[in-house]
Protein backbone atom coordinates (compact mmCIF):
# COMPACT_ATOMS: atom_id res chain seq x y z
CA MET A 1 -152.65 -10.40 -15.70
CA ASN A 2 -156.43 -11.52 -17.78
CA GLY A 3 -159.88 -10.89 -16.79
CA GLN A 4 -162.26 -12.57 -17.71
CA ARG A 5 -166.23 -11.35 -18.72
CA LYS A 6 -169.00 -12.37 -18.11
CA ASP A 7 -169.84 -14.56 -21.31
CA GLY A 8 -166.34 -16.46 -20.52
CA SER A 9 -163.63 -14.38 -22.80
CA VAL A 10 -160.16 -13.64 -21.25
CA PHE A 11 -159.11 -9.99 -21.87
CA PRO A 12 -156.03 -8.11 -20.58
CA ILE A 13 -156.38 -6.61 -17.65
CA SER A 14 -154.21 -4.29 -14.76
CA ILE A 15 -155.02 -3.46 -11.56
CA ALA A 16 -154.16 -0.86 -9.11
CA VAL A 17 -154.76 -1.24 -5.58
CA SER A 18 -154.48 1.53 -2.63
CA GLU A 19 -154.73 1.43 1.15
CA SER A 20 -156.63 3.81 3.04
CA SER A 21 -158.06 4.21 6.98
CA VAL A 22 -161.56 4.71 7.27
CA ASP A 23 -162.91 5.34 11.35
CA GLY A 24 -159.60 3.00 12.32
CA ARG A 25 -160.53 0.40 10.13
CA ARG A 26 -158.14 -0.46 6.66
CA ILE A 27 -159.73 0.04 3.39
CA PHE A 28 -158.43 -1.55 -0.06
CA THR A 29 -159.15 -0.01 -3.16
CA GLY A 30 -158.88 -1.28 -6.26
CA ILE A 31 -159.15 -0.36 -9.99
CA ILE A 32 -159.30 -2.60 -12.90
CA HIS A 33 -157.83 -1.10 -16.67
CA ASP A 34 -158.91 -2.93 -19.69
CA LEU A 35 -155.33 -2.95 -21.90
CA SER A 36 -157.84 -4.36 -24.67
CA GLU A 37 -157.10 -1.83 -27.04
CA ILE A 38 -153.49 -1.10 -26.11
CA LYS A 39 -153.05 -4.97 -25.91
CA ARG A 40 -154.29 -4.26 -29.71
CA ALA A 41 -151.81 -1.43 -31.05
CA GLU A 42 -148.94 -3.62 -29.26
CA ASP A 43 -149.58 -6.28 -31.68
CA GLU A 44 -150.18 -4.15 -34.50
CA ARG A 45 -147.40 -2.77 -34.40
CA ASP A 46 -145.28 -5.70 -33.66
CA ARG A 47 -146.77 -7.38 -37.10
CA LEU A 48 -145.88 -4.28 -38.94
CA LEU A 49 -142.16 -4.35 -37.55
CA MET A 50 -142.13 -7.93 -38.54
CA LEU A 51 -142.80 -6.63 -41.98
CA SER A 52 -139.76 -4.79 -42.25
CA PRO A 53 -137.32 -5.92 -44.26
CA ASP A 54 -134.57 -3.63 -42.01
CA MET A 55 -133.82 -4.71 -38.56
CA LEU A 56 -135.43 -2.38 -35.81
CA CYS A 57 -134.37 -2.81 -32.35
CA ILE A 58 -134.00 -0.59 -28.99
CA ALA A 59 -130.82 -1.17 -27.72
CA GLY A 60 -129.80 -0.47 -23.78
CA ALA A 61 -127.13 1.37 -22.94
CA ASP A 62 -125.70 -2.03 -20.78
CA GLY A 63 -125.25 -3.61 -24.45
CA HIS A 64 -128.41 -5.82 -24.23
CA PHE A 65 -130.68 -5.00 -27.17
CA LYS A 66 -134.11 -4.86 -25.14
CA HIS A 67 -136.64 -5.25 -28.21
CA ILE A 68 -135.53 -5.98 -31.82
CA ASN A 69 -138.02 -7.61 -34.69
CA GLY A 70 -137.96 -10.41 -36.94
CA ALA A 71 -136.01 -9.58 -39.58
CA TRP A 72 -133.05 -9.90 -37.21
CA SER A 73 -133.44 -14.12 -36.91
CA ARG A 74 -133.77 -14.26 -40.75
CA THR A 75 -130.64 -12.12 -41.37
CA LEU A 76 -128.44 -13.22 -38.72
CA GLY A 77 -129.98 -16.68 -37.91
CA TRP A 78 -130.17 -16.64 -34.53
CA THR A 79 -132.90 -16.64 -32.18
CA ASP A 80 -134.81 -13.46 -30.77
CA ILE A 81 -133.67 -15.02 -26.90
CA GLN A 82 -130.61 -15.90 -28.14
CA MET A 83 -130.18 -11.85 -30.00
CA LEU A 84 -131.64 -10.42 -26.46
CA GLU A 85 -129.81 -12.47 -23.69
CA THR A 86 -126.33 -12.06 -25.69
CA PRO A 87 -124.26 -8.41 -25.24
CA TRP A 88 -124.71 -7.15 -28.66
CA MET A 89 -120.78 -6.67 -29.22
CA ASP A 90 -120.70 -10.50 -29.04
CA PHE A 91 -122.13 -10.40 -32.66
CA VAL A 92 -119.76 -7.59 -33.74
CA HIS A 93 -116.25 -8.23 -36.27
CA PRO A 94 -113.57 -8.22 -33.79
CA ASP A 95 -111.80 -5.39 -36.21
CA ASP A 96 -115.00 -3.37 -36.03
CA ARG A 97 -115.75 -3.47 -32.26
CA GLU A 98 -113.33 -0.39 -31.31
CA LEU A 99 -115.22 1.87 -34.01
CA THR A 100 -118.35 0.30 -33.03
CA LEU A 101 -118.05 1.26 -29.67
CA TRP A 102 -117.13 4.38 -29.90
CA ALA A 103 -120.10 4.87 -31.70
CA CYS A 104 -122.79 3.61 -29.29
CA ALA A 105 -120.52 5.90 -26.45
CA GLU A 106 -122.09 9.15 -29.45
CA LEU A 107 -124.98 7.79 -29.35
CA PHE A 108 -126.07 7.39 -25.58
CA LYS A 109 -124.23 10.91 -24.75
CA GLY A 110 -127.46 12.13 -27.44
CA GLN A 111 -126.14 12.45 -30.61
CA THR A 112 -127.66 10.78 -34.04
CA ILE A 113 -126.29 8.34 -35.89
CA ARG A 114 -126.34 7.63 -39.00
CA GLY A 115 -124.10 5.52 -41.82
CA PHE A 116 -122.64 4.52 -39.41
CA GLU A 117 -121.37 0.76 -40.76
CA ASN A 118 -119.79 -2.46 -39.04
CA ARG A 119 -120.17 -5.97 -39.97
CA TYR A 120 -122.18 -8.57 -37.42
CA ARG A 121 -121.69 -12.72 -37.23
CA ARG A 122 -124.23 -15.03 -38.50
CA VAL A 123 -124.83 -18.12 -36.94
CA ASP A 124 -122.72 -20.10 -39.86
CA GLY A 125 -120.13 -18.00 -38.54
CA THR A 126 -119.98 -15.67 -41.76
CA TYR A 127 -120.79 -11.38 -41.55
CA ARG A 128 -122.51 -9.81 -42.59
CA TRP A 129 -122.46 -5.89 -43.44
CA PHE A 130 -125.06 -3.38 -41.20
CA SER A 131 -125.71 0.23 -42.48
CA TRP A 132 -126.82 2.06 -38.77
CA SER A 133 -129.28 5.11 -37.95
CA GLY A 134 -130.03 5.38 -34.15
CA ILE A 135 -132.23 8.24 -32.48
CA PRO A 136 -131.18 8.19 -28.40
CA TYR A 137 -133.28 8.42 -25.28
CA PRO A 138 -131.12 9.38 -23.06
CA GLU A 139 -133.44 9.88 -20.16
CA GLU A 140 -134.65 6.28 -20.80
CA LYS A 141 -130.62 4.96 -21.13
CA THR A 142 -132.05 3.77 -24.54
CA ALA A 143 -131.61 4.60 -28.28
CA PHE A 144 -134.07 3.20 -31.36
CA CYS A 145 -132.15 1.88 -34.31
CA ALA A 146 -132.44 0.18 -37.59
CA ALA A 147 -129.71 -1.65 -39.46
CA ARG A 148 -129.51 -2.60 -42.81
CA ASP A 149 -128.16 -5.35 -44.64
CA VAL A 150 -125.86 -3.92 -47.29
CA THR A 151 -123.32 -6.92 -47.94
CA ASP A 152 -124.98 -6.89 -51.45
CA GLN A 153 -124.12 -3.78 -52.13
CA LYS A 154 -119.92 -3.96 -50.48
CA LEU A 155 -119.90 -6.97 -52.73
CA ALA A 156 -121.23 -5.67 -55.67
CA GLN A 157 -118.65 -1.98 -55.38
CA GLU A 158 -115.59 -4.83 -54.66
CA ALA A 159 -116.72 -6.45 -57.92
CA MET A 160 -116.96 -3.12 -59.84
CA HIS A 161 -113.84 -1.80 -58.36
CA ARG A 162 -112.12 -5.46 -59.54
CA ILE A 163 -113.56 -5.18 -63.07
CA GLU A 164 -112.21 -1.27 -63.36
CA ARG A 165 -108.74 -2.31 -62.11
CA THR A 166 -108.78 -5.37 -64.46
CA ASN A 167 -110.22 -2.63 -67.32
CA LYS A 168 -107.59 -0.78 -66.50
CA LEU A 169 -104.77 -2.47 -66.42
CA GLN A 170 -106.42 -3.93 -70.02
CA ALA A 171 -105.65 -1.03 -71.54
CA ILE A 172 -102.90 -0.44 -70.31
CA LYS A 173 -101.71 -3.29 -72.29
CA LEU A 174 -103.76 -2.89 -74.90
CA ASP A 175 -102.26 0.62 -75.79
CA HIS A 176 -98.84 -0.55 -75.41
CA ALA A 177 -99.98 -3.31 -78.10
CA SER A 178 -101.04 -0.06 -80.29
CA ARG A 179 -97.74 1.44 -79.76
CA LEU A 180 -95.92 -1.76 -80.43
CA THR A 181 -97.42 -2.46 -83.41
CA LEU A 182 -96.29 1.32 -84.56
CA ALA A 183 -92.97 0.97 -83.37
CA GLY A 184 -92.98 -2.27 -85.81
CA GLN A 185 -93.68 0.18 -88.78
CA MET A 186 -91.38 2.55 -87.68
CA ALA A 187 -88.26 0.67 -87.24
CA ALA A 188 -86.94 -0.39 -90.93
CA ALA A 189 -86.96 3.79 -91.52
CA LEU A 190 -85.69 4.58 -87.79
CA ALA A 191 -82.81 1.87 -88.38
CA HIS A 192 -81.85 4.22 -91.53
CA GLU A 193 -81.91 7.68 -89.07
CA VAL A 194 -80.15 5.88 -86.53
CA ASN A 195 -77.62 4.86 -88.95
CA GLN A 196 -76.55 7.82 -90.08
CA PRO A 197 -75.05 9.66 -87.61
CA LEU A 198 -73.60 6.66 -86.23
CA GLY A 199 -71.90 5.72 -89.90
CA ALA A 200 -70.58 9.86 -89.30
CA ALA A 201 -69.43 9.06 -85.92
CA ALA A 202 -67.45 6.26 -87.39
CA ASN A 203 -65.60 8.76 -89.99
CA PHE A 204 -64.93 11.16 -87.70
CA LEU A 205 -63.27 9.06 -85.68
CA HIS A 206 -61.10 7.77 -88.48
CA ALA A 207 -60.36 10.55 -89.43
CA ALA A 208 -59.26 12.01 -85.86
CA ALA A 209 -56.78 8.23 -86.15
CA LEU A 210 -55.36 9.42 -89.48
CA LYS A 211 -54.78 13.23 -88.05
CA PHE A 212 -52.65 11.30 -84.72
CA SER A 213 -50.98 9.15 -87.80
CA ASP A 214 -47.27 10.13 -88.63
CA PRO A 215 -47.29 12.03 -90.38
CA PRO A 216 -51.21 13.35 -89.97
CA LEU A 217 -53.23 12.42 -93.08
CA ALA A 218 -56.04 15.26 -91.57
CA ASP A 219 -56.50 18.85 -92.27
CA GLU A 220 -59.44 19.25 -89.22
CA THR A 221 -57.89 19.37 -85.87
CA PRO A 222 -58.41 15.93 -83.40
CA LEU A 223 -60.40 17.71 -80.60
CA GLY A 224 -62.75 18.88 -83.33
CA LEU A 225 -63.17 15.57 -84.90
CA LEU A 226 -63.90 13.68 -81.89
CA ARG A 227 -66.35 16.54 -80.99
CA GLU A 228 -68.12 15.90 -84.48
CA ALA A 229 -68.26 12.09 -83.56
CA ALA A 230 -69.85 12.39 -80.14
CA ALA A 231 -73.00 15.22 -81.21
CA SER A 232 -73.58 12.53 -84.22
CA VAL A 233 -73.36 9.66 -81.58
CA GLY A 234 -75.73 12.03 -79.36
CA ARG A 235 -78.48 12.62 -82.72
CA ALA A 236 -78.61 8.33 -82.64
CA GLY A 237 -79.09 8.49 -78.94
CA LYS A 238 -81.61 10.68 -78.68
CA ILE A 239 -83.78 8.67 -81.73
CA VAL A 240 -83.06 5.61 -79.74
CA GLN A 241 -84.30 6.93 -76.75
CA GLN A 242 -87.22 8.26 -78.29
CA MET A 243 -88.31 5.63 -79.81
CA LEU A 244 -87.90 3.22 -76.22
CA GLY A 245 -89.81 5.82 -74.52
CA PHE A 246 -92.60 5.43 -77.04
CA ALA A 247 -92.41 1.66 -77.00
CA GLY A 248 -92.06 1.24 -72.68
CA GLN A 249 -95.24 0.06 -71.43
CA ARG A 250 -96.12 1.92 -68.51
CA PRO A 251 -99.08 3.37 -66.25
CA ARG A 252 -101.46 6.50 -67.78
CA GLN A 253 -99.55 9.89 -66.16
CA ARG A 254 -100.94 13.26 -66.59
CA GLU A 255 -98.73 16.79 -66.17
CA PRO A 256 -98.72 19.80 -67.80
CA VAL A 257 -96.87 19.72 -71.33
CA ASP A 258 -97.05 22.57 -74.03
CA ILE A 259 -98.89 20.74 -76.91
CA ASN A 260 -96.36 21.75 -79.37
CA ASP A 261 -93.64 19.77 -77.39
CA VAL A 262 -95.70 17.02 -78.06
CA LEU A 263 -96.66 17.29 -81.52
CA ARG A 264 -92.57 17.84 -82.67
CA ASP A 265 -91.65 14.91 -80.63
CA SER A 266 -94.61 12.94 -82.69
CA ALA A 267 -93.02 14.49 -86.38
CA VAL A 268 -89.94 13.75 -85.53
CA LEU A 269 -90.67 9.84 -84.75
CA MET A 270 -92.88 9.38 -87.83
CA ARG A 271 -90.90 11.39 -90.23
CA PRO A 272 -88.38 8.40 -91.34
CA LEU A 273 -91.68 6.41 -92.25
CA ALA A 274 -92.86 9.23 -94.12
CA ALA A 275 -89.95 10.27 -95.65
CA MET A 276 -89.68 6.46 -96.82
CA HIS A 277 -92.64 6.95 -98.66
CA ARG A 278 -91.89 9.90 -99.75
CA ILE A 279 -94.05 11.52 -98.03
CA GLU A 280 -93.65 15.30 -96.55
CA ILE A 281 -95.08 16.47 -92.93
CA ARG A 282 -95.43 19.78 -92.06
CA LEU A 283 -95.79 20.88 -88.37
CA GLU A 284 -97.86 24.19 -88.34
CA GLU A 285 -97.44 24.90 -83.82
CA CYS A 286 -99.49 27.67 -82.24
CA GLU A 287 -98.70 29.83 -79.65
CA PRO A 288 -97.78 27.91 -76.66
CA ALA A 289 -100.50 26.20 -74.70
CA VAL A 290 -99.84 23.43 -71.68
CA VAL A 291 -102.10 20.94 -71.29
CA ASP A 292 -102.55 18.68 -68.47
CA VAL A 293 -102.46 15.06 -70.27
CA ASP A 294 -100.78 12.03 -71.04
CA ARG A 295 -97.67 13.16 -72.86
CA LEU A 296 -97.06 9.37 -74.54
CA GLY A 297 -100.78 8.73 -75.05
CA ILE A 298 -101.54 11.98 -76.99
CA GLN A 299 -98.43 11.27 -78.76
CA GLN A 300 -99.85 7.27 -79.45
CA VAL A 301 -102.72 9.65 -81.01
CA VAL A 302 -100.92 11.71 -82.94
CA CYS A 303 -98.78 9.08 -84.78
CA ASN A 304 -101.57 6.66 -84.99
CA LEU A 305 -103.37 9.21 -87.23
CA VAL A 306 -99.91 10.54 -88.80
CA ALA A 307 -99.07 5.88 -89.78
CA ASN A 308 -103.08 5.90 -91.37
CA SER A 309 -102.44 8.90 -93.34
CA ILE A 310 -99.03 7.62 -94.65
CA HIS A 311 -101.20 4.28 -95.73
CA ALA A 312 -104.40 6.12 -97.19
CA ILE A 313 -101.76 8.24 -99.55
CA ASP A 314 -100.61 5.05 -100.62
CA GLN A 315 -103.65 3.53 -101.90
CA GLU A 316 -104.81 4.75 -105.59
CA GLY A 317 -107.32 8.03 -105.98
CA ALA A 318 -104.39 10.03 -103.65
CA ARG A 319 -103.18 13.50 -104.83
CA ALA A 320 -99.67 13.75 -106.56
CA ASP A 321 -98.99 15.63 -103.69
CA ARG A 322 -97.92 13.69 -101.03
CA ILE A 323 -98.36 15.47 -97.80
CA ILE A 324 -99.45 15.17 -93.96
CA ALA A 325 -100.22 18.68 -92.11
CA ILE A 326 -100.25 18.75 -88.89
CA SER A 327 -101.33 21.73 -86.90
CA ALA A 328 -102.47 23.59 -83.93
CA ARG A 329 -104.63 26.65 -83.09
CA ALA A 330 -106.08 28.22 -79.73
CA THR A 331 -109.50 27.51 -79.42
CA GLY A 332 -112.65 28.30 -77.10
CA PRO A 333 -113.32 31.29 -75.22
CA GLN A 334 -109.84 33.77 -74.00
CA GLY A 335 -108.01 30.49 -75.97
CA ARG A 336 -109.10 27.77 -72.86
CA GLY A 337 -108.65 25.01 -75.33
CA VAL A 338 -106.04 23.71 -78.26
CA THR A 339 -107.37 21.59 -81.01
CA VAL A 340 -105.08 19.88 -83.32
CA ARG A 341 -105.90 18.79 -86.71
CA ILE A 342 -104.29 16.12 -88.88
CA THR A 343 -105.37 16.25 -92.52
CA ASP A 344 -103.53 14.48 -95.82
CA THR A 345 -103.90 14.13 -99.51
CA GLY A 346 -104.72 10.61 -100.07
CA PRO A 347 -108.61 9.42 -101.04
CA GLY A 348 -110.55 10.11 -97.68
CA ILE A 349 -112.61 8.22 -95.77
CA PRO A 350 -115.39 5.69 -97.45
CA GLU A 351 -119.36 7.78 -96.96
CA GLU A 352 -119.91 4.23 -95.13
CA LEU A 353 -117.25 4.18 -92.79
CA LEU A 354 -117.81 7.48 -91.48
CA ALA A 355 -120.12 7.08 -89.00
CA ARG A 356 -118.66 4.03 -87.17
CA LEU A 357 -115.10 5.15 -88.08
CA PHE A 358 -114.27 5.63 -83.72
CA GLU A 359 -115.88 1.26 -83.45
CA PRO A 360 -113.65 -1.07 -82.24
CA PHE A 361 -112.85 -3.13 -85.35
CA GLN A 362 -113.82 -1.02 -87.98
CA THR A 363 -110.95 -0.79 -90.89
CA GLY A 364 -110.52 0.06 -94.43
CA ARG A 365 -107.34 -1.54 -94.27
CA PRO A 366 -107.10 -5.45 -95.40
CA ASP A 367 -104.34 -6.04 -92.73
CA GLY A 368 -105.91 -3.78 -90.29
CA LEU A 369 -107.31 -4.60 -86.60
CA GLY A 370 -109.42 -1.77 -86.48
CA LEU A 371 -108.32 -0.94 -83.01
CA GLY A 372 -105.95 2.43 -83.62
CA LEU A 373 -108.87 5.00 -83.86
CA TRP A 374 -111.07 3.71 -81.30
CA ILE A 375 -107.81 3.36 -78.67
CA SER A 376 -106.96 6.91 -79.91
CA ARG A 377 -110.64 7.82 -78.92
CA SER A 378 -110.20 6.45 -75.44
CA LEU A 379 -106.76 8.19 -74.63
CA ILE A 380 -108.22 11.64 -75.94
CA GLU A 381 -111.28 11.65 -73.85
CA ALA A 382 -109.41 10.12 -70.54
CA ASP A 383 -107.60 13.32 -71.12
CA ARG A 384 -111.11 15.49 -71.02
CA GLY A 385 -111.50 15.72 -74.79
CA GLU A 386 -113.17 15.18 -77.97
CA ILE A 387 -111.56 13.63 -81.53
CA HIS A 388 -113.80 13.34 -84.48
CA ALA A 389 -113.29 13.05 -88.40
CA VAL A 390 -113.91 16.07 -90.28
CA VAL A 391 -116.32 16.35 -93.33
CA SER A 392 -113.72 18.05 -96.29
CA ASP A 393 -114.81 19.43 -99.45
CA GLY A 394 -111.94 17.94 -101.16
CA LEU A 395 -109.85 14.89 -101.53
CA GLY A 396 -108.42 13.48 -97.93
CA ALA A 397 -108.80 12.49 -94.49
CA VAL A 398 -109.30 15.14 -91.68
CA PHE A 399 -109.04 14.33 -88.21
CA GLU A 400 -109.28 16.87 -85.13
CA PHE A 401 -109.30 16.77 -81.39
CA GLY A 402 -109.32 18.81 -78.78
CA LEU A 403 -107.97 19.34 -75.53
CA PRO A 404 -108.56 22.21 -72.61
CA ALA A 405 -105.63 24.19 -71.88
CA VAL A 406 -104.36 24.64 -68.39
CA VAL A 407 -102.38 28.05 -69.62
CA PRO A 408 -104.51 29.16 -72.36
CA ALA A 409 -103.14 29.97 -75.36
CA LYS A 410 -103.05 33.18 -77.73
CA PRO A 411 -106.28 33.11 -79.89
CA GLU A 412 -104.15 35.57 -82.04
CA GLY A 413 -101.16 36.16 -83.26
CA SER A 414 -98.62 34.81 -85.31
CA ARG A 415 -98.07 30.90 -86.21
CA MET A 416 -95.29 29.03 -86.61
CA THR A 417 -94.59 26.76 -88.93
CA VAL A 418 -91.78 23.91 -88.02
CA ASP A 419 -89.60 21.97 -90.46
CA ALA A 420 -90.72 18.24 -88.87
C-alpha cells in the first residue's frame, strides 16, 4: 500500500487498525508506518543478490522456491516465475533425484549441508552441475541455500582424467617399444644361447637311441641320457620364457621383490649380448633387500643401461678391460633404501651431454633415438626412486638409481659376487 505526502510524492506504508469501545461507541484507531527505509534496504539487498554469480534462494519445505536471485535465470534460462511456480525437483536430473530428496530431508530436519552436488536442467534441455550449501530454519520451514555452477570444473576434471588415461596408455606402449628395441638387440645373442642347450639335447637323445640299438653303441644309461636331454631343453625353455616376459606388453604392476633377483635376471638376459662384444658382466649383490616396484620396469632400466654400456665400450677411447659392473648396496638410515650402480669401461659421458642426459631425444649415438634414459627416469620415478649419472674421475660412465626398501637391507655385512 502506498501513501501520498503533502508534496505529492508516493511512499510505501503499512496500516494497522484496532477497534475499541468508548461510552458505548465503537472507535477505530489506525497506525500508519512509513516503510520507505525498509523498502530501500530490501531494494539494496536485492540488487546485491542480483550481482552474485552464485544462485541464491530461499527454499520452502513444500518443495518450491520462495525467493531466487537473478543468477538462476542467467544460468538456466528459465524465468523467475517459472522457477518459483515449478517444484524444484522437476528441474533435477532423474539420476540425481533420490540423492536430492535425501539431502532435502536432512536439510529440513535441521542439518546444514555443504558440497552436495546434483544436476539442474536448462531451458534448452541440457544440464548443469551445481554444488550446494544450505542453512535450515526449521521453525519457518525454509532454508537459505546457495548453489555454485561447477560444470566447467567437472568437464575439466573429466578431460584431465581422459588425458591421464591416454598418457598412461601411451607410456605403456612406449615402455613396450623400448623393450622390443632391446629385445631386438639381444635376439641374435639369445638365439646362440638357446641353440647350445637344444644342440646338447639333440646329442643326448641321439646317444639314447644308440643305447637302444642292437648291439648298444653308448656307455651311459638311457635314463641318464634322457634326464640330461630334458635338463638341456629346460634351460632353453627358461631363456625363451625370460625373453617373452621381457618383450611382452602389460600394464605396470608393483610387487615386493628382492632387488638382487631383478639384477640377476637382468644380467642373465644381457650376458649373451655382452659376450658377443667380448664384454664381461660382473654382478655384486647386497644383502636381501625387498623393494615394492614394477619388476619388469626396473629390469628394463637395468637392461637399457647395460645396453648403453655395451655400445659405449665398443667406441674409441674405451679401456682395454671390457667390463660392465652391476652392484647394489643398502643406503639411507638403517638400510631403508637400495642404490644400484652400473659402471663401464667406455670413454665416459661427454660433458656437454651430461646436464641434459635424461631429456627426450638426447643421445650421443648416431643410431639412437635418445629415449632410453628418458624412459628409464620415468620408470624409476614411478616407483618413488631417483636416477642420475655420477661424475667419474676416471674413464667410463657411472649411473646410479635409488629405491626405497620395504624390508630394509643390512647396511653392513659381506657382499656376494655372482657370476653373471
